[in-house]
Amino acid sequence: MSTTAPELLAACEARDRAKISTLVSSISKHAWTVIPGQAMVELEPLRILVWHETGGSGINTYETVIVQIFVDEENAKHFSYRFSPDELQLPNYIPVADRRVPPSAD
């Protein structure tokens, strides 16, 4: 399955989390650009940013996958969703080492 911008935009406008998860998960691994702390892919006119957020300690540790979908610059519309790692299967695309922003050298 190849995700298209119109179907992803339609899922966002319908607030269909299951469809958004399926569509974002199905984007080819090779389409993603991974930088420390986040991954990005462009489906004209959409830009999709994904990053992982972790917190807590011990048995209260959690991980959240955040997805932001930006529509073209003129429109300035964007959508933001939080998923569990089980809901949004992207660990292959964003290696654990690349999920965290390295500490600054300040």
PDB file of N, CA and C in Angstrom:
ATOM      1  N   MET A   1       0.854  -1.185   0.000  1.00  0.00           N
ATOM      2  CA  MET A   1       0.000   0.000   0.000  1.00  0.00           C
ATOM      3  C   MET A   1       0.892   1.236   0.000  1.00  0.00           C
ATOM      4  N   SER A   2       0.556   2.170  -0.840  1.00  0.00           N
ATOM      5  CA  SER A   2       1.302   3.421  -0.911  1.00  0.00           C
ATOM      6  C   SER A   2       0.401   4.557  -0.442  1.00  0.00           C
ATOM      7  N   THR A   3       0.814   5.216   0.616  1.00  0.00           N
ATOM      8  CA  THR A   3       0.029   6.295   1.203  1.00  0.00           C
ATOM      9  C   THR A   3       0.075   7.518   0.306  1.00  0.00           C
ATOM     10  N   THR A   4      -1.075   8.158   0.117  1.00  0.00           N
ATOM     11  CA  THR A   4      -1.134   9.393  -0.665  1.00  0.00           C
ATOM     12  C   THR A   4      -1.551  10.544   0.240  1.00  0.00           C
ATOM     13  N   ALA A   5      -1.148  11.747  -0.144  1.00  0.00           N
ATOM     14  CA  ALA A   5      -1.496  12.938   0.630  1.00  0.00           C
ATOM     15  C   ALA A   5      -3.012  13.116   0.769  1.00  0.00           C
ATOM     16  N   PRO A   6      -3.805  12.978  -0.315  1.00  0.00           N
ATOM     17  CA  PRO A   6      -5.254  13.187  -0.159  1.00  0.00           C
ATOM     18  C   PRO A   6      -5.909  12.223   0.833  1.00  0.00           C
ATOM     19  N   GLU A   7      -5.494  10.946   0.828  1.00  0.00           N
ATOM     20  CA  GLU A   7      -6.134  10.016   1.762  1.00  0.00           C
ATOM     21  C   GLU A   7      -5.692  10.284   3.206  1.00  0.00           C
ATOM     22  N   LEU A   8      -4.448  10.697   3.409  1.00  0.00           N
ATOM     23  CA  LEU A   8      -3.995  11.035   4.756  1.00  0.00           C
ATOM     24  C   LEU A   8      -4.680  12.302   5.247  1.00  0.00           C
ATOM     25  N   LEU A   9      -4.814  13.289   4.385  1.00  0.00           N
ATOM     26  CA  LEU A   9      -5.503  14.530   4.752  1.00  0.00           C
ATOM     27  C   LEU A   9      -6.972  14.248   5.091  1.00  0.00           C
ATOM     28  N   ALA A  10      -7.625  13.388   4.310  1.00  0.00           N
ATOM     29  CA  ALA A  10      -9.025  13.025   4.578  1.00  0.00           C
ATOM     30  C   ALA A  10      -9.150  12.334   5.934  1.00  0.00           C
ATOM     31  N   ALA A  11      -8.205  11.453   6.257  1.00  0.00           N
ATOM     32  CA  ALA A  11      -8.233  10.767   7.552  1.00  0.00           C
ATOM     33  C   ALA A  11      -8.036  11.765   8.697  1.00  0.00           C
ATOM     34  N   CYS A  12      -7.156  12.755   8.493  1.00  0.00           N
ATOM     35  CA  CYS A  12      -6.931  13.780   9.521  1.00  0.00           C
ATOM     36  C   CYS A  12      -8.184  14.621   9.725  1.00  0.00           C
ATOM     37  N   GLU A  13      -8.794  15.035   8.648  1.00  0.00           N
ATOM     38  CA  GLU A  13      -9.998  15.860   8.755  1.00  0.00           C
ATOM     39  C   GLU A  13     -11.148  15.093   9.386  1.00  0.00           C
ATOM     40  N   ALA A  14     -11.183  13.768   9.194  1.00  0.00           N
ATOM     41  CA  ALA A  14     -12.220  12.933   9.804  1.00  0.00           C
ATOM     42  C   ALA A  14     -11.840  12.512  11.229  1.00  0.00           C
ATOM     43  N   ARG A  15     -10.613  12.868  11.647  1.00  0.00           N
ATOM     44  CA  ARG A  15     -10.082  12.490  12.963  1.00  0.00           C
ATOM     45  C   ARG A  15     -10.113  10.980  13.173  1.00  0.00           C
ATOM     46  N   ASP A  16      -9.769  10.261  12.120  1.00  0.00           N
ATOM     47  CA  ASP A  16      -9.776   8.801  12.130  1.00  0.00           C
ATOM     48  C   ASP A  16      -8.384   8.298  12.523  1.00  0.00           C
ATOM     49  N   ARG A  17      -8.155   8.163  13.839  1.00  0.00           N
ATOM     50  CA  ARG A  17      -6.838   7.782  14.356  1.00  0.00           C
ATOM     51  C   ARG A  17      -6.362   6.439  13.810  1.00  0.00           C
ATOM     52  N   ALA A  18      -7.267   5.484  13.695  1.00  0.00           N
ATOM     53  CA  ALA A  18      -6.877   4.160  13.197  1.00  0.00           C
ATOM     54  C   ALA A  18      -6.372   4.261  11.753  1.00  0.00           C
ATOM     55  N   LYS A  19      -7.057   5.018  10.938  1.00  0.00           N
ATOM     56  CA  LYS A  19      -6.659   5.183   9.531  1.00  0.00           C
ATOM     57  C   LYS A  19      -5.341   5.960   9.449  1.00  0.00           C
ATOM     58  N   ILE A  20      -5.196   6.998  10.269  1.00  0.00           N
ATOM     59  CA  ILE A  20      -3.952   7.782  10.275  1.00  0.00           C
ATOM     60  C   ILE A  20      -2.786   6.879  10.653  1.00  0.00           C
ATOM     61  N   SER A  21      -2.962   6.067  11.682  1.00  0.00           N
ATOM     62  CA  SER A  21      -1.925   5.145  12.111  1.00  0.00           C
ATOM     63  C   SER A  21      -1.542   4.187  10.983  1.00  0.00           C
ATOM     64  N   THR A  22      -2.545   3.627  10.322  1.00  0.00           N
ATOM     65  CA  THR A  22      -2.294   2.694   9.221  1.00  0.00           C
ATOM     66  C   THR A  22      -1.555   3.384   8.077  1.00  0.00           C
ATOM     67  N   LEU A  23      -2.003   4.582   7.715  1.00  0.00           N
ATOM     68  CA  LEU A  23      -1.396   5.293   6.589  1.00  0.00           C
ATOM     69  C   LEU A  23       0.040   5.722   6.884  1.00  0.00           C
ATOM     70  N   VAL A  24       0.286   6.284   8.066  1.00  0.00           N
ATOM     71  CA  VAL A  24       1.639   6.718   8.408  1.00  0.00           C
ATOM     72  C   VAL A  24       2.562   5.505   8.531  1.00  0.00           C
ATOM     73  N   SER A  25       2.073   4.426   9.133  1.00  0.00           N
ATOM     74  CA  SER A  25       2.886   3.215   9.283  1.00  0.00           C
ATOM     75  C   SER A  25       3.250   2.598   7.943  1.00  0.00           C
ATOM     76  N   SER A  26       2.416   2.802   6.933  1.00  0.00           N
ATOM     77  CA  SER A  26       2.656   2.163   5.649  1.00  0.00           C
ATOM     78  C   SER A  26       3.582   2.968   4.723  1.00  0.00           C
ATOM     79  N   ILE A  27       4.011   4.148   5.152  1.00  0.00           N
ATOM     80  CA  ILE A  27       4.949   4.926   4.337  1.00  0.00           C
ATOM     81  C   ILE A  27       6.278   4.176   4.308  1.00  0.00           C
ATOM     82  N   SER A  28       6.846   4.034   3.141  1.00  0.00           N
ATOM     83  CA  SER A  28       8.072   3.277   2.951  1.00  0.00           C
ATOM     84  C   SER A  28       9.190   3.753   3.863  1.00  0.00           C
ATOM     85  N   LYS A  29       9.929   2.799   4.405  1.00  0.00           N
ATOM     86  CA  LYS A  29      11.065   3.100   5.268  1.00  0.00           C
ATOM     87  C   LYS A  29      12.052   4.030   4.561  1.00  0.00           C
ATOM     88  N   HIS A  30      12.205   3.866   3.274  1.00  0.00           N
ATOM     89  CA  HIS A  30      13.186   4.646   2.515  1.00  0.00           C
ATOM     90  C   HIS A  30      12.740   6.082   2.244  1.00  0.00           C
ATOM     91  N   ALA A  31      11.472   6.383   2.472  1.00  0.00           N
ATOM     92  CA  ALA A  31      10.965   7.740   2.240  1.00  0.00           C
ATOM     93  C   ALA A  31      11.303   8.682   3.392  1.00  0.00           C
ATOM     94  N   TRP A  32      11.582   8.121   4.575  1.00  0.00           N
ATOM     95  CA  TRP A  32      11.816   8.921   5.772  1.00  0.00           C
ATOM     96  C   TRP A  32      13.224   9.487   5.805  1.00  0.00           C
ATOM     97  N   THR A  33      13.343  10.729   6.248  1.00  0.00           N
ATOM     98  CA  THR A  33      14.626  11.337   6.561  1.00  0.00           C
ATOM     99  C   THR A  33      14.712  11.373   8.073  1.00  0.00           C
ATOM    100  N   VAL A  34      15.738  10.725   8.625  1.00  0.00           N
ATOM    101  CA  VAL A  34      15.875  10.631  10.073  1.00  0.00           C
ATOM    102  C   VAL A  34      17.028  11.517  10.522  1.00  0.00           C
ATOM    103  N   ILE A  35      16.723  12.403  11.461  1.00  0.00           N
ATOM    104  CA  ILE A  35      17.747  13.219  12.114  1.00  0.00           C
ATOM    105  C   ILE A  35      17.635  12.929  13.603  1.00  0.00           C
ATOM    106  N   PRO A  36      18.655  13.197  14.385  1.00  0.00           N
ATOM    107  CA  PRO A  36      18.532  12.893  15.815  1.00  0.00           C
ATOM    108  C   PRO A  36      17.281  13.522  16.427  1.00  0.00           C
ATOM    109  N   GLY A  37      16.459  12.669  16.998  1.00  0.00           N
ATOM    110  CA  GLY A  37      15.271  13.146  17.682  1.00  0.00           C
ATOM    111  C   GLY A  37      13.992  13.111  16.878  1.00  0.00           C
ATOM    112  N   GLN A  38      14.071  13.039  15.537  1.00  0.00           N
ATOM    113  CA  GLN A  38      12.825  13.010  14.772  1.00  0.00           C
ATOM    114  C   GLN A  38      13.035  12.463  13.376  1.00  0.00           C
ATOM    115  N   ALA A  39      11.917  12.117  12.750  1.00  0.00           N
ATOM    116  CA  ALA A  39      11.920  11.664  11.360  1.00  0.00           C
ATOM    117  C   ALA A  39      10.933  12.525  10.596  1.00  0.00           C
ATOM    118  N   MET A  40      11.188  12.704   9.303  1.00  0.00           N
ATOM    119  CA  MET A  40      10.338  13.558   8.482  1.00  0.00           C
ATOM    120  C   MET A  40      10.157  12.915   7.120  1.00  0.00           C
ATOM    121  N   VAL A  41       8.967  13.091   6.584  1.00  0.00           N
ATOM    122  CA  VAL A  41       8.690  12.647   5.223  1.00  0.00           C
ATOM    123  C   VAL A  41       7.771  13.684   4.591  1.00  0.00           C
ATOM    124  N   GLU A  42       7.939  13.893   3.302  1.00  0.00           N
ATOM    125  CA  GLU A  42       7.063  14.829   2.579  1.00  0.00           C
ATOM    126  C   GLU A  42       6.206  14.062   1.593  1.00  0.00           C
ATOM    127  N   LEU A  43       4.918  14.310   1.662  1.00  0.00           N
ATOM    128  CA  LEU A  43       3.938  13.848   0.680  1.00  0.00           C
ATOM    129  C   LEU A  43       3.272  15.120   0.195  1.00  0.00           C
ATOM    130  N   GLU A  44       3.761  15.690  -0.857  1.00  0.00           N
ATOM    131  CA  GLU A  44       3.262  16.990  -1.303  1.00  0.00           C
ATOM    132  C   GLU A  44       1.753  17.026  -1.299  1.00  0.00           C
ATOM    133  N   PRO A  45       1.122  17.997  -0.701  1.00  0.00           N
ATOM    134  CA  PRO A  45       1.667  19.168  -0.027  1.00  0.00           C
ATOM    135  C   PRO A  45       1.860  18.980   1.471  1.00  0.00           C
ATOM    136  N   LEU A  46       1.869  17.749   1.949  1.00  0.00           N
ATOM    137  CA  LEU A  46       1.981  17.485   3.383  1.00  0.00           C
ATOM    138  C   LEU A  46       3.428  17.242   3.803  1.00  0.00           C
ATOM    139  N   ARG A  47       3.729  17.653   5.026  1.00  0.00           N
ATOM    140  CA  ARG A  47       5.006  17.329   5.651  1.00  0.00           C
ATOM    141  C   ARG A  47       4.662  16.644   6.968  1.00  0.00           C
ATOM    142  N   ILE A  48       5.233  15.469   7.192  1.00  0.00           N
ATOM    143  CA  ILE A  48       4.922  14.673   8.372  1.00  0.00           C
ATOM    144  C   ILE A  48       6.167  14.572   9.242  1.00  0.00           C
ATOM    145  N   LEU A  49       6.039  14.967  10.491  1.00  0.00           N
ATOM    146  CA  LEU A  49       7.122  14.870  11.460  1.00  0.00           C
ATOM    147  C   LEU A  49       6.717  13.861  12.529  1.00  0.00           C
ATOM    148  N   VAL A  50       7.659  13.020  12.927  1.00  0.00           N
ATOM    149  CA  VAL A  50       7.399  12.008  13.946  1.00  0.00           C
ATOM    150  C   VAL A  50       8.558  12.004  14.926  1.00  0.00           C
ATOM    151  N   TRP A  51       8.243  11.946  16.214  1.00  0.00           N
ATOM    152  CA  TRP A  51       9.283  11.769  17.216  1.00  0.00           C
ATOM    153  C   TRP A  51       8.718  11.018  18.397  1.00  0.00           C
ATOM    154  N   HIS A  52       9.627  10.465  19.191  1.00  0.00           N
ATOM    155  CA  HIS A  52       9.258   9.692  20.368  1.00  0.00           C
ATOM    156  C   HIS A  52       9.521  10.527  21.609  1.00  0.00           C
ATOM    157  N   GLU A  53       8.625  10.400  22.566  1.00  0.00           N
ATOM    158  CA  GLU A  53       8.774  11.094  23.840  1.00  0.00           C
ATOM    159  C   GLU A  53       8.726  10.022  24.927  1.00  0.00           C
ATOM    160  N   THR A  54       9.693  10.038  25.816  1.00  0.00           N
ATOM    161  CA  THR A  54       9.713   9.070  26.910  1.00  0.00           C
ATOM    162  C   THR A  54       9.767   9.821  28.232  1.00  0.00           C
ATOM    163  N   GLY A  55       9.341   9.150  29.271  1.00  0.00           N
ATOM    164  CA  GLY A  55       9.375   9.789  30.576  1.00  0.00           C
ATOM    165  C   GLY A  55       9.099   8.793  31.675  1.00  0.00           C
ATOM    166  N   GLY A  56       9.031   9.308  32.867  1.00  0.00           N
ATOM    167  CA  GLY A  56       8.783   8.475  34.024  1.00  0.00           C
ATOM    168  C   GLY A  56      10.031   7.717  34.421  1.00  0.00           C
ATOM    169  N   SER A  57       9.873   6.844  35.400  1.00  0.00           N
ATOM    170  CA  SER A  57      10.998   6.011  35.819  1.00  0.00           C
ATOM    171  C   SER A  57      10.447   4.728  36.416  1.00  0.00           C
ATOM    172  N   GLY A  58      11.287   3.701  36.434  1.00  0.00           N
ATOM    173  CA  GLY A  58      10.878   2.415  36.993  1.00  0.00           C
ATOM    174  C   GLY A  58       9.682   1.844  36.269  1.00  0.00           C
ATOM    175  N   ILE A  59       8.690   1.414  37.044  1.00  0.00           N
ATOM    176  CA  ILE A  59       7.498   0.809  36.433  1.00  0.00           C
ATOM    177  C   ILE A  59       6.570   1.855  35.815  1.00  0.00           C
ATOM    178  N   ASN A  60       6.840   3.126  36.053  1.00  0.00           N
ATOM    179  CA  ASN A  60       6.015   4.204  35.499  1.00  0.00           C
ATOM    180  C   ASN A  60       6.590   4.797  34.220  1.00  0.00           C
ATOM    181  N   THR A  61       7.512   4.098  33.577  1.00  0.00           N
ATOM    182  CA  THR A  61       8.098   4.578  32.329  1.00  0.00           C
ATOM    183  C   THR A  61       7.053   4.520  31.221  1.00  0.00           C
ATOM    184  N   TYR A  62       7.052   5.525  30.350  1.00  0.00           N
ATOM    185  CA  TYR A  62       6.127   5.534  29.222  1.00  0.00           C
ATOM    186  C   TYR A  62       6.851   6.011  27.965  1.00  0.00           C
ATOM    187  N   GLU A  63       6.278   5.659  26.830  1.00  0.00           N
ATOM    188  CA  GLU A  63       6.781   6.147  25.549  1.00  0.00           C
ATOM    189  C   GLU A  63       5.579   6.525  24.698  1.00  0.00           C
ATOM    190  N   THR A  64       5.667   7.669  24.063  1.00  0.00           N
ATOM    191  CA  THR A  64       4.608   8.171  23.196  1.00  0.00           C
ATOM    192  C   THR A  64       5.228   8.497  21.845  1.00  0.00           C
ATOM    193  N   VAL A  65       4.507   8.197  20.774  1.00  0.00           N
ATOM    194  CA  VAL A  65       4.940   8.573  19.437  1.00  0.00           C
ATOM    195  C   VAL A  65       4.068   9.754  19.012  1.00  0.00           C
ATOM    196  N   ILE A  66       4.708  10.873  18.715  1.00  0.00           N
ATOM    197  CA  ILE A  66       3.987  12.088  18.336  1.00  0.00           C
ATOM    198  C   ILE A  66       4.095  12.262  16.828  1.00  0.00           C
ATOM    199  N   VAL A  67       2.962  12.508  16.208  1.00  0.00           N
ATOM    200  CA  VAL A  67       2.900  12.716  14.762  1.00  0.00           C
ATOM    201  C   VAL A  67       2.293  14.083  14.510  1.00  0.00           C
ATOM    202  N   GLN A  68       2.996  14.911  13.754  1.00  0.00           N
ATOM    203  CA  GLN A  68       2.442  16.191  13.329  1.00  0.00           C
ATOM    204  C   GLN A  68       2.411  16.194  11.815  1.00  0.00           C
ATOM    205  N   ILE A  69       1.277  16.593  11.286  1.00  0.00           N
ATOM    206  CA  ILE A  69       1.080  16.641   9.836  1.00  0.00           C
ATOM    207  C   ILE A  69       0.759  18.078   9.465  1.00  0.00           C
ATOM    208  N   PHE A  70       1.638  18.656   8.671  1.00  0.00           N
ATOM    209  CA  PHE A  70       1.491  20.044   8.247  1.00  0.00           C
ATOM    210  C   PHE A  70       1.012  20.079   6.810  1.00  0.00           C
ATOM    211  N   VAL A  71      -0.021  20.873   6.566  1.00  0.00           N
ATOM    212  CA  VAL A  71      -0.512  21.099   5.218  1.00  0.00           C
ATOM    213  C   VAL A  71       0.326  22.243   4.647  1.00  0.00           C
ATOM    214  N   ASP A  72       0.298  22.448   3.346  1.00  0.00           N
ATOM    215  CA  ASP A  72       1.129  23.468   2.692  1.00  0.00           C
ATOM    216  C   ASP A  72       1.264  24.747   3.514  1.00  0.00           C
ATOM    217  N   GLU A  73       2.379  25.422   3.330  1.00  0.00           N
ATOM    218  CA  GLU A  73       2.725  26.616   4.107  1.00  0.00           C
ATOM    219  C   GLU A  73       1.644  27.702   4.063  1.00  0.00           C
ATOM    220  N   GLU A  74       1.039  27.920   2.896  1.00  0.00           N
ATOM    221  CA  GLU A  74       0.019  28.968   2.760  1.00  0.00           C
ATOM    222  C   GLU A  74      -1.175  28.695   3.656  1.00  0.00           C
ATOM    223  N   ASN A  75      -1.575  27.442   3.717  1.00  0.00           N
ATOM    224  CA  ASN A  75      -2.750  27.041   4.472  1.00  0.00           C
ATOM    225  C   ASN A  75      -2.513  27.145   5.979  1.00  0.00           C
ATOM    226  N   ALA A  76      -1.285  26.885   6.389  1.00  0.00           N
ATOM    227  CA  ALA A  76      -0.881  26.929   7.803  1.00  0.00           C
ATOM    228  C   ALA A  76      -1.751  26.029   8.686  1.00  0.00           C
ATOM    229  N   LYS A  77      -2.342  25.004   8.111  1.00  0.00           N
ATOM    230  CA  LYS A  77      -3.149  24.052   8.867  1.00  0.00           C
ATOM    231  C   LYS A  77      -2.247  22.893   9.276  1.00  0.00           C
ATOM    232  N   HIS A  78      -2.440  22.404  10.498  1.00  0.00           N
ATOM    233  CA  HIS A  78      -1.688  21.214  10.889  1.00  0.00           C
ATOM    234  C   HIS A  78      -2.517  20.369  11.852  1.00  0.00           C
ATOM    235  N   PHE A  79      -2.124  19.101  11.923  1.00  0.00           N
ATOM    236  CA  PHE A  79      -2.792  18.140  12.781  1.00  0.00           C
ATOM    237  C   PHE A  79      -1.728  17.515  13.678  1.00  0.00           C
ATOM    238  N   SER A  80      -2.092  17.200  14.904  1.00  0.00           N
ATOM    239  CA  SER A  80      -1.146  16.611  15.839  1.00  0.00           C
ATOM    240  C   SER A  80      -1.820  15.449  16.558  1.00  0.00           C
ATOM    241  N   TYR A  81      -1.107  14.326  16.646  1.00  0.00           N
ATOM    242  CA  TYR A  81      -1.647  13.120  17.270  1.00  0.00           C
ATOM    243  C   TYR A  81      -0.589  12.479  18.147  1.00  0.00           C
ATOM    244  N   ARG A  82      -1.036  11.811  19.194  1.00  0.00           N
ATOM    245  CA  ARG A  82      -0.163  11.030  20.075  1.00  0.00           C
ATOM    246  C   ARG A  82      -0.625   9.576  19.998  1.00  0.00           C
ATOM    247  N   PHE A  83       0.347   8.699  19.813  1.00  0.00           N
ATOM    248  CA  PHE A  83       0.067   7.274  19.727  1.00  0.00           C
ATOM    249  C   PHE A  83       0.997   6.535  20.681  1.00  0.00           C
ATOM    250  N   SER A  84       0.590   5.345  21.093  1.00  0.00           N
ATOM    251  CA  SER A  84       1.518   4.473  21.812  1.00  0.00           C
ATOM    252  C   SER A  84       2.379   3.800  20.742  1.00  0.00           C
ATOM    253  N   PRO A  85       3.556   3.292  21.113  1.00  0.00           N
ATOM    254  CA  PRO A  85       4.380   2.592  20.126  1.00  0.00           C
ATOM    255  C   PRO A  85       3.662   1.380  19.535  1.00  0.00           C
ATOM    256  N   ASP A  86       2.717   0.791  20.278  1.00  0.00           N
ATOM    257  CA  ASP A  86       1.956  -0.341  19.749  1.00  0.00           C
ATOM    258  C   ASP A  86       0.947   0.102  18.696  1.00  0.00           C
ATOM    259  N   GLU A  87       0.383   1.299  18.855  1.00  0.00           N
ATOM    260  CA  GLU A  87      -0.591   1.817  17.890  1.00  0.00           C
ATOM    261  C   GLU A  87       0.075   2.223  16.582  1.00  0.00           C
ATOM    262  N   LEU A  88       1.262   2.815  16.689  1.00  0.00           N
ATOM    263  CA  LEU A  88       1.949   3.327  15.508  1.00  0.00           C
ATOM    264  C   LEU A  88       3.274   2.592  15.384  1.00  0.00           C
ATOM    265  N   GLN A  89       3.344   1.669  14.467  1.00  0.00           N
ATOM    266  CA  GLN A  89       4.511   0.804  14.316  1.00  0.00           C
ATOM    267  C   GLN A  89       5.582   1.462  13.453  1.00  0.00           C
ATOM    268  N   LEU A  90       6.427   2.289  14.080  1.00  0.00           N
ATOM    269  CA  LEU A  90       7.510   2.951  13.358  1.00  0.00           C
ATOM    270  C   LEU A  90       8.905   2.645  13.892  1.00  0.00           C
ATOM    271  N   PRO A  91       9.086   1.686  14.788  1.00  0.00           N
ATOM    272  CA  PRO A  91      10.439   1.514  15.325  1.00  0.00           C
ATOM    273  C   PRO A  91      11.472   1.153  14.265  1.00  0.00           C
ATOM    274  N   ASN A  92      11.081   0.510  13.178  1.00  0.00           N
ATOM    275  CA  ASN A  92      12.041   0.188  12.109  1.00  0.00           C
ATOM    276  C   ASN A  92      12.523   1.454  11.417  1.00  0.00           C
ATOM    277  N   TYR A  93      11.694   2.462  11.356  1.00  0.00           N
ATOM    278  CA  TYR A  93      12.017   3.667  10.610  1.00  0.00           C
ATOM    279  C   TYR A  93      12.838   4.629  11.446  1.00  0.00           C
ATOM    280  N   ILE A  94      12.639   4.591  12.745  1.00  0.00           N
ATOM    281  CA  ILE A  94      13.346   5.520  13.623  1.00  0.00           C
ATOM    282  C   ILE A  94      14.099   4.685  14.659  1.00  0.00           C
ATOM    283  N   PRO A  95      15.351   4.342  14.380  1.00  0.00           N
ATOM    284  CA  PRO A  95      16.107   3.531  15.334  1.00  0.00           C
ATOM    285  C   PRO A  95      16.169   4.202  16.703  1.00  0.00           C
ATOM    286  N   VAL A  96      16.205   3.398  17.757  1.00  0.00           N
ATOM    287  CA  VAL A  96      16.205   3.917  19.122  1.00  0.00           C
ATOM    288  C   VAL A  96      17.290   4.969  19.306  1.00  0.00           C
ATOM    289  N   ALA A  97      18.470   4.723  18.768  1.00  0.00           N
ATOM    290  CA  ALA A  97      19.581   5.678  18.929  1.00  0.00           C
ATOM    291  C   ALA A  97      19.258   7.031  18.301  1.00  0.00           C
ATOM    292  N   ASP A  98      18.424   7.054  17.258  1.00  0.00           N
ATOM    293  CA  ASP A  98      18.085   8.303  16.571  1.00  0.00           C
ATOM    294  C   ASP A  98      16.861   8.987  17.163  1.00  0.00           C
ATOM    295  N   ARG A  99      16.198   8.357  18.126  1.00  0.00           N
ATOM    296  CA  ARG A  99      14.992   8.953  18.705  1.00  0.00           C
ATOM    297  C   ARG A  99      15.305  10.085  19.661  1.00  0.00           C
ATOM    298  N   ARG A 100      16.470  10.052  20.251  1.00  0.00           N
ATOM    299  CA  ARG A 100      16.807  11.046  21.255  1.00  0.00           C
ATOM    300  C   ARG A 100      17.739  12.096  20.686  1.00  0.00           C
ATOM    301  N   VAL A 101      17.479  13.314  21.043  1.00  0.00           N
ATOM    302  CA  VAL A 101      18.345  14.406  20.629  1.00  0.00           C
ATOM    303  C   VAL A 101      19.599  14.341  21.504  1.00  0.00           C
ATOM    304  N   PRO A 102      20.784  14.356  20.871  1.00  0.00           N
ATOM    305  CA  PRO A 102      21.998  14.287  21.698  1.00  0.00           C
ATOM    306  C   PRO A 102      22.124  15.514  22.589  1.00  0.00           C
ATOM    307  N   PRO A 103      22.731  15.368  23.758  1.00  0.00           N
ATOM    308  CA  PRO A 103      22.901  16.521  24.653  1.00  0.00           C
ATOM    309  C   PRO A 103      23.751  17.591  23.984  1.00  0.00           C
ATOM    310  N   SER A 104      23.438  18.839  24.277  1.00  0.00           N
ATOM    311  CA  SER A 104      24.202  19.936  23.671  1.00  0.00           C
ATOM    312  C   SER A 104      25.584  20.010  24.313  1.00  0.00           C
ATOM    313  N   ALA A 105      26.528  20.570  23.582  1.00  0.00           N
ATOM    314  CA  ALA A 105      27.906  20.655  24.055  1.00  0.00           C
ATOM    315  C   ALA A 105      28.135  21.923  24.874  1.00  0.00           C
ATOM    316  N   ASP A 106      27.075  22.624  25.242  1.00  0.00           N
ATOM    317  CA  ASP A 106      27.209  23.900  25.986  1.00  0.00           C
ATOM    318  C   ASP A 106      27.824  23.712  27.338  1.00  0.00           C
TER     319      ASP A 106
END
